Amino acid sequence: MQLNIFVPKANHTFTCEVEDLPAESIAYALDYGIRQSVVDTTAGVKRVDFTTTEEFNAEALAKAQKRWDQIVSGNVPGTRTPNVEAAKARELMKVVVGANMTVEQATAILQAEAERLAQAA
């Protein structure tokens, strides 16, 4: 597997075959990368936002656990196949919430759009 590490400030990419790296380098990179990936998820958890240490720790653990689960399952950021329909649904919900629509109004819009798409097909 080819590894490409782009360094923006140097405008340079380091390239190598992972299989050619010494075992110590592979172990270091895995440990460092996975640790940083998990720890970085807790960056937005601020102590001042919680009244107890237990609440603070629980929130940090929830964030870290989510990333750990992604790593263990292989469902990591940047490798997932985009779900176009789910993305459209999220965008639609933003519009509905932002426009302060009722459920009935949103349903009517969705039905009209479904009919328009059916006629176009």
Protein backbone atom coordinates (compact mmCIF):
# COMPACT_ATOMS: atom_id res chain seq x y z
CA MET A 1 0.00 0.00 0.00
CA GLN A 2 1.35 3.39 -0.98
CA LEU A 3 1.43 6.09 1.67
CA ASN A 4 1.35 9.75 0.60
CA ILE A 5 1.86 12.43 3.25
CA PHE A 6 1.34 15.96 1.97
CA VAL A 7 2.96 18.76 3.99
CA PRO A 8 1.05 21.93 2.99
CA LYS A 9 3.56 24.46 4.33
CA ALA A 10 6.37 22.80 2.36
CA ASN A 11 4.16 22.04 -0.66
CA HIS A 12 5.74 18.59 -0.67
CA THR A 13 4.46 15.02 -0.56
CA PHE A 14 6.44 12.22 1.07
CA THR A 15 5.71 8.87 -0.58
CA CYS A 16 6.61 5.32 0.37
CA GLU A 17 5.29 1.79 0.33
CA VAL A 18 4.05 0.90 3.81
CA GLU A 19 5.46 -2.62 3.41
CA ASP A 20 8.94 -1.11 3.00
CA LEU A 21 8.85 0.71 6.35
CA PRO A 22 10.62 -0.82 9.35
CA ALA A 23 8.29 -2.53 11.86
CA GLU A 24 9.16 0.11 14.46
CA SER A 25 8.02 2.89 12.15
CA ILE A 26 4.75 1.15 11.38
CA ALA A 27 4.10 0.55 15.09
CA TYR A 28 4.91 4.19 15.89
CA ALA A 29 2.66 5.54 13.14
CA LEU A 30 -0.26 3.29 14.11
CA ASP A 31 0.03 4.12 17.80
CA TYR A 32 0.45 7.85 17.22
CA GLY A 33 -2.23 8.12 14.55
CA ILE A 34 -4.89 6.12 16.34
CA ARG A 35 -4.19 7.83 19.67
CA GLN A 36 -4.40 11.30 18.09
CA SER A 37 -7.55 10.41 16.20
CA VAL A 38 -9.30 9.27 19.37
CA VAL A 39 -7.97 12.04 21.63
CA ASP A 40 -8.73 14.78 19.09
CA THR A 41 -12.44 13.96 19.28
CA THR A 42 -12.49 15.31 22.83
CA ALA A 43 -11.05 18.72 21.88
CA GLY A 44 -14.46 20.38 21.86
CA VAL A 45 -15.38 19.08 25.30
CA LYS A 46 -14.71 21.99 27.66
CA ARG A 47 -14.65 21.60 31.43
CA VAL A 48 -16.50 24.89 31.94
CA ASP A 49 -19.55 23.46 30.14
CA PHE A 50 -20.17 20.87 32.88
CA THR A 51 -21.07 21.13 36.52
CA THR A 52 -19.42 17.88 37.60
CA THR A 53 -16.28 16.02 36.69
CA GLU A 54 -18.38 12.92 36.09
CA GLU A 55 -20.48 14.72 33.43
CA PHE A 56 -17.33 16.12 31.83
CA ASN A 57 -15.66 12.69 31.76
CA ALA A 58 -18.80 11.01 30.43
CA GLU A 59 -19.08 13.43 27.51
CA ALA A 60 -15.39 13.06 26.65
CA LEU A 61 -15.72 9.29 26.82
CA ALA A 62 -18.78 9.33 24.56
CA LYS A 63 -16.87 11.30 21.91
CA ALA A 64 -13.78 9.10 22.18
CA GLN A 65 -15.85 5.90 22.17
CA LYS A 66 -17.59 6.93 18.95
CA ARG A 67 -14.24 7.39 17.18
CA TRP A 68 -12.85 4.18 18.68
CA ASP A 69 -15.89 2.29 17.38
CA GLN A 70 -15.35 3.82 13.92
CA ILE A 71 -11.72 2.73 13.89
CA VAL A 72 -12.47 -0.79 15.08
CA SER A 73 -15.28 -1.20 12.53
CA GLY A 74 -13.41 0.35 9.59
CA ASN A 75 -16.11 3.01 9.21
CA VAL A 76 -13.61 5.86 9.51
CA PRO A 77 -13.94 9.45 8.28
CA GLY A 78 -12.92 9.87 4.68
CA THR A 79 -13.59 6.27 3.67
CA ARG A 80 -17.35 6.02 3.94
CA THR A 81 -19.43 5.84 0.80
CA PRO A 82 -21.60 8.94 0.84
CA ASN A 83 -25.28 8.29 1.33
CA VAL A 84 -26.75 10.82 -1.09
CA GLU A 85 -30.32 10.30 0.08
CA ALA A 86 -29.38 10.76 3.74
CA ALA A 87 -27.47 13.94 2.87
CA LYS A 88 -30.50 15.29 1.00
CA ALA A 89 -32.73 14.47 3.98
CA ARG A 90 -30.37 16.33 6.35
CA GLU A 91 -30.32 19.37 4.08
CA LEU A 92 -34.11 19.30 3.82
CA MET A 93 -34.44 19.14 7.60
CA LYS A 94 -32.19 22.20 7.91
CA VAL A 95 -34.52 24.08 5.56
CA VAL A 96 -37.63 22.91 7.43
CA VAL A 97 -36.22 23.88 10.82
CA GLY A 98 -34.78 27.16 9.51
CA ALA A 99 -38.07 28.13 7.90
CA ASN A 100 -39.99 27.25 11.07
CA MET A 101 -42.34 25.01 9.06
CA THR A 102 -44.95 22.73 10.52
CA VAL A 103 -44.85 18.99 9.90
CA GLU A 104 -47.85 19.38 7.63
CA GLN A 105 -46.14 22.05 5.52
CA ALA A 106 -42.98 19.96 5.16
CA THR A 107 -45.04 16.87 4.28
CA ALA A 108 -46.91 18.79 1.57
CA ILE A 109 -43.63 19.98 0.06
CA LEU A 110 -42.21 16.45 0.10
CA GLN A 111 -45.34 15.02 -1.53
CA ALA A 112 -45.28 17.68 -4.25
CA GLU A 113 -41.60 16.98 -4.91
CA ALA A 114 -42.23 13.22 -5.09
CA GLU A 115 -45.03 13.79 -7.60
CA ARG A 116 -42.81 16.09 -9.66
CA LEU A 117 -40.04 13.48 -9.74
CA ALA A 118 -42.51 10.71 -10.68
CA GLN A 119 -43.82 12.76 -13.60
CA ALA A 120 -40.31 13.56 -14.77
CA ALA A 121 -39.35 9.87 -14.84
